[in-house]
Amino acid sequence: MNLFFDFKCENNHVSERFIDDSIETTSCKECGLPAIKMLSTPRIHLEGITGAFPGAADKWVKDRAEKLKYEQKRNSQDL
């Protein structure tokens, strides 16, 4: 399966490659020396309380506010 991995050569060049997960070394894009797959930190951020992605909570609040606004408008028209 192809995934994104960071590779680092002995000249400390770091590059990202979309490559098969079984590959451990490749050539450096800058100098051509062998580059070894690095263990990288995940690039995701979860909301601290719920564990959801930050945008998910914001989207829920926005959608809920729009729904309440719609319901209030509809209820005022029914009167």
PDB file of N, CA and C in Angstrom:
ATOM      1  N   MET A   1       0.849  -1.173   0.000  1.00  0.00           N
ATOM      2  CA  MET A   1       0.000   0.000   0.000  1.00  0.00           C
ATOM      3  C   MET A   1       0.897   1.240   0.000  1.00  0.00           C
ATOM      4  N   ASN A   2       0.581   2.206  -0.828  1.00  0.00           N
ATOM      5  CA  ASN A   2       1.349   3.445  -0.896  1.00  0.00           C
ATOM      6  C   ASN A   2       0.859   4.435   0.140  1.00  0.00           C
ATOM      7  N   LEU A   3       1.817   5.029   0.838  1.00  0.00           N
ATOM      8  CA  LEU A   3       1.548   6.049   1.846  1.00  0.00           C
ATOM      9  C   LEU A   3       2.633   7.111   1.767  1.00  0.00           C
ATOM     10  N   PHE A   4       2.438   8.229   2.487  1.00  0.00           N
ATOM     11  CA  PHE A   4       3.466   9.259   2.564  1.00  0.00           C
ATOM     12  C   PHE A   4       4.422   8.929   3.703  1.00  0.00           C
ATOM     13  N   PHE A   5       5.728   8.985   3.406  1.00  0.00           N
ATOM     14  CA  PHE A   5       6.763   8.755   4.409  1.00  0.00           C
ATOM     15  C   PHE A   5       7.836   9.813   4.248  1.00  0.00           C
ATOM     16  N   ASP A   6       8.503  10.150   5.369  1.00  0.00           N
ATOM     17  CA  ASP A   6       9.653  11.040   5.338  1.00  0.00           C
ATOM     18  C   ASP A   6      10.916  10.198   5.260  1.00  0.00           C
ATOM     19  N   PHE A   7      11.863  10.654   4.444  1.00  0.00           N
ATOM     20  CA  PHE A   7      13.151   9.991   4.303  1.00  0.00           C
ATOM     21  C   PHE A   7      14.249  11.009   4.577  1.00  0.00           C
ATOM     22  N   LYS A   8      15.339  10.543   5.206  1.00  0.00           N
ATOM     23  CA  LYS A   8      16.449  11.432   5.551  1.00  0.00           C
ATOM     24  C   LYS A   8      17.761  10.787   5.119  1.00  0.00           C
ATOM     25  N   CYS A   9      18.607  11.587   4.449  1.00  0.00           N
ATOM     26  CA  CYS A   9      19.912  11.091   4.021  1.00  0.00           C
ATOM     27  C   CYS A   9      20.974  11.521   5.034  1.00  0.00           C
ATOM     28  N   GLU A  10      22.238  11.079   4.823  1.00  0.00           N
ATOM     29  CA  GLU A  10      23.302  11.429   5.774  1.00  0.00           C
ATOM     30  C   GLU A  10      23.692  12.904   5.708  1.00  0.00           C
ATOM     31  N   ASN A  11      23.252  13.621   4.677  1.00  0.00           N
ATOM     32  CA  ASN A  11      23.465  15.079   4.605  1.00  0.00           C
ATOM     33  C   ASN A  11      22.324  15.842   5.277  1.00  0.00           C
ATOM     34  N   ASN A  12      21.455  15.123   5.975  1.00  0.00           N
ATOM     35  CA  ASN A  12      20.309  15.685   6.716  1.00  0.00           C
ATOM     36  C   ASN A  12      19.248  16.327   5.839  1.00  0.00           C
ATOM     37  N   HIS A  13      19.191  15.931   4.575  1.00  0.00           N
ATOM     38  CA  HIS A  13      18.088  16.369   3.720  1.00  0.00           C
ATOM     39  C   HIS A  13      16.880  15.497   4.057  1.00  0.00           C
ATOM     40  N   VAL A  14      15.756  16.116   4.291  1.00  0.00           N
ATOM     41  CA  VAL A  14      14.525  15.378   4.586  1.00  0.00           C
ATOM     42  C   VAL A  14      13.558  15.617   3.444  1.00  0.00           C
ATOM     43  N   SER A  15      13.002  14.537   2.928  1.00  0.00           N
ATOM     44  CA  SER A  15      12.025  14.671   1.852  1.00  0.00           C
ATOM     45  C   SER A  15      10.871  13.716   2.102  1.00  0.00           C
ATOM     46  N   GLU A  16       9.731  14.081   1.570  1.00  0.00           N
ATOM     47  CA  GLU A  16       8.539  13.258   1.720  1.00  0.00           C
ATOM     48  C   GLU A  16       8.283  12.547   0.399  1.00  0.00           C
ATOM     49  N   ARG A  17       7.917  11.273   0.503  1.00  0.00           N
ATOM     50  CA  ARG A  17       7.633  10.488  -0.693  1.00  0.00           C
ATOM     51  C   ARG A  17       6.334   9.720  -0.512  1.00  0.00           C
ATOM     52  N   PHE A  18       5.582   9.595  -1.585  1.00  0.00           N
ATOM     53  CA  PHE A  18       4.407   8.735  -1.636  1.00  0.00           C
ATOM     54  C   PHE A  18       4.914   7.427  -2.208  1.00  0.00           C
ATOM     55  N   ILE A  19       5.078   6.432  -1.318  1.00  0.00           N
ATOM     56  CA  ILE A  19       5.805   5.225  -1.695  1.00  0.00           C
ATOM     57  C   ILE A  19       5.217   4.024  -0.973  1.00  0.00           C
ATOM     58  N   ASP A  20       5.503   2.829  -1.476  1.00  0.00           N
ATOM     59  CA  ASP A  20       5.015   1.604  -0.848  1.00  0.00           C
ATOM     60  C   ASP A  20       5.554   1.498   0.581  1.00  0.00           C
ATOM     61  N   ASP A  21       4.706   1.062   1.511  1.00  0.00           N
ATOM     62  CA  ASP A  21       5.100   1.039   2.921  1.00  0.00           C
ATOM     63  C   ASP A  21       6.172  -0.001   3.235  1.00  0.00           C
ATOM     64  N   SER A  22       6.461  -0.914   2.335  1.00  0.00           N
ATOM     65  CA  SER A  22       7.496  -1.917   2.582  1.00  0.00           C
ATOM     66  C   SER A  22       8.898  -1.401   2.253  1.00  0.00           C
ATOM     67  N   ILE A  23       9.004  -0.279   1.557  1.00  0.00           N
ATOM     68  CA  ILE A  23      10.304   0.268   1.158  1.00  0.00           C
ATOM     69  C   ILE A  23      10.909   1.046   2.327  1.00  0.00           C
ATOM     70  N   GLU A  24      12.162   0.698   2.675  1.00  0.00           N
ATOM     71  CA  GLU A  24      12.852   1.317   3.806  1.00  0.00           C
ATOM     72  C   GLU A  24      13.871   2.369   3.384  1.00  0.00           C
ATOM     73  N   THR A  25      14.418   2.274   2.174  1.00  0.00           N
ATOM     74  CA  THR A  25      15.403   3.251   1.693  1.00  0.00           C
ATOM     75  C   THR A  25      15.057   3.668   0.271  1.00  0.00           C
ATOM     76  N   THR A  26      15.483   4.871  -0.058  1.00  0.00           N
ATOM     77  CA  THR A  26      15.312   5.414  -1.408  1.00  0.00           C
ATOM     78  C   THR A  26      16.434   6.411  -1.627  1.00  0.00           C
ATOM     79  N   SER A  27      16.557   6.981  -2.792  1.00  0.00           N
ATOM     80  CA  SER A  27      17.607   7.977  -3.016  1.00  0.00           C
ATOM     81  C   SER A  27      17.083   9.362  -2.649  1.00  0.00           C
ATOM     82  N   CYS A  28      17.973  10.179  -2.109  1.00  0.00           N
ATOM     83  CA  CYS A  28      17.627  11.545  -1.705  1.00  0.00           C
ATOM     84  C   CYS A  28      17.305  12.371  -2.950  1.00  0.00           C
ATOM     85  N   LYS A  29      16.252  13.157  -2.861  1.00  0.00           N
ATOM     86  CA  LYS A  29      15.851  14.003  -4.000  1.00  0.00           C
ATOM     87  C   LYS A  29      16.865  15.114  -4.259  1.00  0.00           C
ATOM     88  N   GLU A  30      17.612  15.540  -3.203  1.00  0.00           N
ATOM     89  CA  GLU A  30      18.530  16.666  -3.356  1.00  0.00           C
ATOM     90  C   GLU A  30      19.946  16.256  -3.755  1.00  0.00           C
ATOM     91  N   CYS A  31      20.482  15.202  -3.106  1.00  0.00           N
ATOM     92  CA  CYS A  31      21.879  14.843  -3.361  1.00  0.00           C
ATOM     93  C   CYS A  31      22.080  13.452  -3.940  1.00  0.00           C
ATOM     94  N   GLY A  32      21.042  12.635  -3.971  1.00  0.00           N
ATOM     95  CA  GLY A  32      21.139  11.316  -4.552  1.00  0.00           C
ATOM     96  C   GLY A  32      21.674  10.229  -3.630  1.00  0.00           C
ATOM     97  N   LEU A  33      22.098  10.582  -2.416  1.00  0.00           N
ATOM     98  CA  LEU A  33      22.582   9.579  -1.465  1.00  0.00           C
ATOM     99  C   LEU A  33      21.416   8.742  -0.962  1.00  0.00           C
ATOM    100  N   PRO A  34      21.709   7.560  -0.401  1.00  0.00           N
ATOM    101  CA  PRO A  34      20.624   6.751   0.163  1.00  0.00           C
ATOM    102  C   PRO A  34      19.928   7.490   1.312  1.00  0.00           C
ATOM    103  N   ALA A  35      18.623   7.450   1.311  1.00  0.00           N
ATOM    104  CA  ALA A  35      17.824   8.084   2.364  1.00  0.00           C
ATOM    105  C   ALA A  35      17.016   7.000   3.060  1.00  0.00           C
ATOM    106  N   ILE A  36      16.981   7.066   4.383  1.00  0.00           N
ATOM    107  CA  ILE A  36      16.322   6.051   5.201  1.00  0.00           C
ATOM    108  C   ILE A  36      14.984   6.576   5.699  1.00  0.00           C
ATOM    109  N   LYS A  37      14.000   5.694   5.731  1.00  0.00           N
ATOM    110  CA  LYS A  37      12.661   6.058   6.206  1.00  0.00           C
ATOM    111  C   LYS A  37      12.737   6.490   7.663  1.00  0.00           C
ATOM    112  N   MET A  38      12.098   7.608   7.968  1.00  0.00           N
ATOM    113  CA  MET A  38      12.088   8.144   9.336  1.00  0.00           C
ATOM    114  C   MET A  38      10.751   7.841  10.005  1.00  0.00           C
ATOM    115  N   LEU A  39      10.796   7.730  11.305  1.00  0.00           N
ATOM    116  CA  LEU A  39       9.568   7.647  12.082  1.00  0.00           C
ATOM    117  C   LEU A  39       9.119   9.083  12.294  1.00  0.00           C
ATOM    118  N   SER A  40       7.969   9.433  11.776  1.00  0.00           N
ATOM    119  CA  SER A  40       7.485  10.813  11.833  1.00  0.00           C
ATOM    120  C   SER A  40       6.310  10.924  12.782  1.00  0.00           C
ATOM    121  N   THR A  41       6.141  12.111  13.334  1.00  0.00           N
ATOM    122  CA  THR A  41       4.991  12.356  14.193  1.00  0.00           C
ATOM    123  C   THR A  41       3.745  12.500  13.334  1.00  0.00           C
ATOM    124  N   PRO A  42       2.615  12.054  13.813  1.00  0.00           N
ATOM    125  CA  PRO A  42       1.375  12.208  13.048  1.00  0.00           C
ATOM    126  C   PRO A  42       1.041  13.691  12.851  1.00  0.00           C
ATOM    127  N   ARG A  43       0.416  13.976  11.738  1.00  0.00           N
ATOM    128  CA  ARG A  43       0.080  15.366  11.416  1.00  0.00           C
ATOM    129  C   ARG A  43      -1.404  15.635  11.601  1.00  0.00           C
ATOM    130  N   ILE A  44      -1.978  15.033  12.609  1.00  0.00           N
ATOM    131  CA  ILE A  44      -3.378  15.288  12.900  1.00  0.00           C
ATOM    132  C   ILE A  44      -3.476  15.923  14.272  1.00  0.00           C
ATOM    133  N   HIS A  45      -4.533  16.615  14.493  1.00  0.00           N
ATOM    134  CA  HIS A  45      -4.754  17.258  15.781  1.00  0.00           C
ATOM    135  C   HIS A  45      -6.190  16.966  16.192  1.00  0.00           C
ATOM    136  N   LEU A  46      -6.341  16.376  17.366  1.00  0.00           N
ATOM    137  CA  LEU A  46      -7.670  16.069  17.862  1.00  0.00           C
ATOM    138  C   LEU A  46      -8.061  17.068  18.928  1.00  0.00           C
ATOM    139  N   GLU A  47      -9.335  17.359  19.009  1.00  0.00           N
ATOM    140  CA  GLU A  47      -9.859  18.252  20.027  1.00  0.00           C
ATOM    141  C   GLU A  47      -9.691  17.572  21.377  1.00  0.00           C
ATOM    142  N   GLY A  48      -9.230  18.304  22.376  1.00  0.00           N
ATOM    143  CA  GLY A  48      -8.851  17.726  23.657  1.00  0.00           C
ATOM    144  C   GLY A  48      -9.952  17.093  24.482  1.00  0.00           C
ATOM    145  N   ILE A  49     -11.171  17.569  24.411  1.00  0.00           N
ATOM    146  CA  ILE A  49     -12.230  17.058  25.271  1.00  0.00           C
ATOM    147  C   ILE A  49     -12.936  15.861  24.641  1.00  0.00           C
ATOM    148  N   THR A  50     -13.367  16.003  23.402  1.00  0.00           N
ATOM    149  CA  THR A  50     -14.154  14.945  22.774  1.00  0.00           C
ATOM    150  C   THR A  50     -13.308  13.963  21.979  1.00  0.00           C
ATOM    151  N   GLY A  51     -12.107  14.370  21.586  1.00  0.00           N
ATOM    152  CA  GLY A  51     -11.284  13.518  20.747  1.00  0.00           C
ATOM    153  C   GLY A  51     -11.635  13.629  19.275  1.00  0.00           C
ATOM    154  N   ALA A  52     -12.557  14.520  18.953  1.00  0.00           N
ATOM    155  CA  ALA A  52     -12.955  14.719  17.561  1.00  0.00           C
ATOM    156  C   ALA A  52     -11.954  15.665  16.881  1.00  0.00           C
ATOM    157  N   PHE A  53     -12.018  15.707  15.573  1.00  0.00           N
ATOM    158  CA  PHE A  53     -11.197  16.662  14.856  1.00  0.00           C
ATOM    159  C   PHE A  53     -11.730  18.064  15.171  1.00  0.00           C
ATOM    160  N   PRO A  54     -10.845  19.071  15.284  1.00  0.00           N
ATOM    161  CA  PRO A  54     -11.279  20.414  15.689  1.00  0.00           C
ATOM    162  C   PRO A  54     -12.424  20.969  14.855  1.00  0.00           C
ATOM    163  N   GLY A  55     -12.397  20.758  13.573  1.00  0.00           N
ATOM    164  CA  GLY A  55     -13.439  21.291  12.705  1.00  0.00           C
ATOM    165  C   GLY A  55     -14.787  20.636  12.930  1.00  0.00           C
ATOM    166  N   ALA A  56     -14.803  19.408  13.443  1.00  0.00           N
ATOM    167  CA  ALA A  56     -16.063  18.689  13.638  1.00  0.00           C
ATOM    168  C   ALA A  56     -16.926  19.378  14.681  1.00  0.00           C
ATOM    169  N   ALA A  57     -16.327  19.791  15.789  1.00  0.00           N
ATOM    170  CA  ALA A  57     -17.087  20.474  16.840  1.00  0.00           C
ATOM    171  C   ALA A  57     -17.600  21.820  16.331  1.00  0.00           C
ATOM    172  N   ASP A  58     -16.742  22.548  15.618  1.00  0.00           N
ATOM    173  CA  ASP A  58     -17.147  23.846  15.074  1.00  0.00           C
ATOM    174  C   ASP A  58     -18.278  23.684  14.071  1.00  0.00           C
ATOM    175  N   LYS A  59     -18.185  22.654  13.236  1.00  0.00           N
ATOM    176  CA  LYS A  59     -19.235  22.404  12.246  1.00  0.00           C
ATOM    177  C   LYS A  59     -20.554  22.072  12.933  1.00  0.00           C
ATOM    178  N   TRP A  60     -20.505  21.273  13.998  1.00  0.00           N
ATOM    179  CA  TRP A  60     -21.725  20.922  14.713  1.00  0.00           C
ATOM    180  C   TRP A  60     -22.380  22.170  15.287  1.00  0.00           C
ATOM    181  N   VAL A  61     -21.596  23.045  15.899  1.00  0.00           N
ATOM    182  CA  VAL A  61     -22.130  24.280  16.483  1.00  0.00           C
ATOM    183  C   VAL A  61     -22.764  25.143  15.395  1.00  0.00           C
ATOM    184  N   LYS A  62     -22.091  25.276  14.260  1.00  0.00           N
ATOM    185  CA  LYS A  62     -22.608  26.087  13.153  1.00  0.00           C
ATOM    186  C   LYS A  62     -23.902  25.486  12.605  1.00  0.00           C
ATOM    187  N   ASP A  63     -23.898  24.173  12.366  1.00  0.00           N
ATOM    188  CA  ASP A  63     -25.099  23.512  11.845  1.00  0.00           C
ATOM    189  C   ASP A  63     -26.263  23.626  12.821  1.00  0.00           C
ATOM    190  N   ARG A  64     -25.983  23.478  14.105  1.00  0.00           N
ATOM    191  CA  ARG A  64     -27.035  23.574  15.126  1.00  0.00           C
ATOM    192  C   ARG A  64     -27.621  24.984  15.164  1.00  0.00           C
ATOM    193  N   ALA A  65     -26.765  26.004  15.086  1.00  0.00           N
ATOM    194  CA  ALA A  65     -27.242  27.394  15.094  1.00  0.00           C
ATOM    195  C   ALA A  65     -28.123  27.665  13.876  1.00  0.00           C
ATOM    196  N   GLU A  66     -27.724  27.147  12.710  1.00  0.00           N
ATOM    197  CA  GLU A  66     -28.526  27.334  11.500  1.00  0.00           C
ATOM    198  C   GLU A  66     -29.880  26.635  11.635  1.00  0.00           C
ATOM    199  N   LYS A  67     -29.877  25.435  12.218  1.00  0.00           N
ATOM    200  CA  LYS A  67     -31.122  24.696  12.398  1.00  0.00           C
ATOM    201  C   LYS A  67     -32.062  25.432  13.354  1.00  0.00           C
ATOM    202  N   LEU A  68     -31.514  25.952  14.456  1.00  0.00           N
ATOM    203  CA  LEU A  68     -32.344  26.710  15.401  1.00  0.00           C
ATOM    204  C   LEU A  68     -32.917  27.965  14.753  1.00  0.00           C
ATOM    205  N   LYS A  69     -32.096  28.649  13.971  1.00  0.00           N
ATOM    206  CA  LYS A  69     -32.549  29.851  13.273  1.00  0.00           C
ATOM    207  C   LYS A  69     -33.687  29.508  12.315  1.00  0.00           C
ATOM    208  N   TYR A  70     -33.544  28.417  11.569  1.00  0.00           N
ATOM    209  CA  TYR A  70     -34.570  27.973  10.641  1.00  0.00           C
ATOM    210  C   TYR A  70     -35.865  27.635  11.387  1.00  0.00           C
ATOM    211  N   GLU A  71     -35.737  26.905  12.492  1.00  0.00           N
ATOM    212  CA  GLU A  71     -36.925  26.514  13.267  1.00  0.00           C
ATOM    213  C   GLU A  71     -37.622  27.732  13.862  1.00  0.00           C
ATOM    214  N   GLN A  72     -36.856  28.712  14.349  1.00  0.00           N
ATOM    215  CA  GLN A  72     -37.455  29.924  14.902  1.00  0.00           C
ATOM    216  C   GLN A  72     -38.190  30.700  13.811  1.00  0.00           C
ATOM    217  N   LYS A  73     -37.594  30.779  12.633  1.00  0.00           N
ATOM    218  CA  LYS A  73     -38.236  31.482  11.518  1.00  0.00           C
ATOM    219  C   LYS A  73     -39.520  30.770  11.113  1.00  0.00           C
ATOM    220  N   ARG A  74     -39.481  29.461  11.025  1.00  0.00           N
ATOM    221  CA  ARG A  74     -40.660  28.685  10.664  1.00  0.00           C
ATOM    222  C   ARG A  74     -41.765  28.818  11.715  1.00  0.00           C
ATOM    223  N   ASN A  75     -41.386  28.779  12.983  1.00  0.00           N
ATOM    224  CA  ASN A  75     -42.367  28.919  14.062  1.00  0.00           C
ATOM    225  C   ASN A  75     -42.996  30.310  14.078  1.00  0.00           C
ATOM    226  N   SER A  76     -42.240  31.341  13.744  1.00  0.00           N
ATOM    227  CA  SER A  76     -42.795  32.703  13.730  1.00  0.00           C
ATOM    228  C   SER A  76     -43.756  32.876  12.562  1.00  0.00           C
ATOM    229  N   GLN A  77     -43.560  32.132  11.483  1.00  0.00           N
ATOM    230  CA  GLN A  77     -44.462  32.213  10.340  1.00  0.00           C
ATOM    231  C   GLN A  77     -45.770  31.472  10.620  1.00  0.00           C
ATOM    232  N   ASP A  78     -45.705  30.465  11.502  1.00  0.00           N
ATOM    233  CA  ASP A  78     -46.885  29.680  11.843  1.00  0.00           C
ATOM    234  C   ASP A  78     -47.854  30.466  12.733  1.00  0.00           C
ATOM    235  N   LEU A  79     -47.338  31.497  13.403  1.00  0.00           N
ATOM    236  CA  LEU A  79     -48.195  32.266  14.316  1.00  0.00           C
ATOM    237  C   LEU A  79     -49.099  33.163  13.538  1.00  0.00           C
TER     238      LEU A  79
END
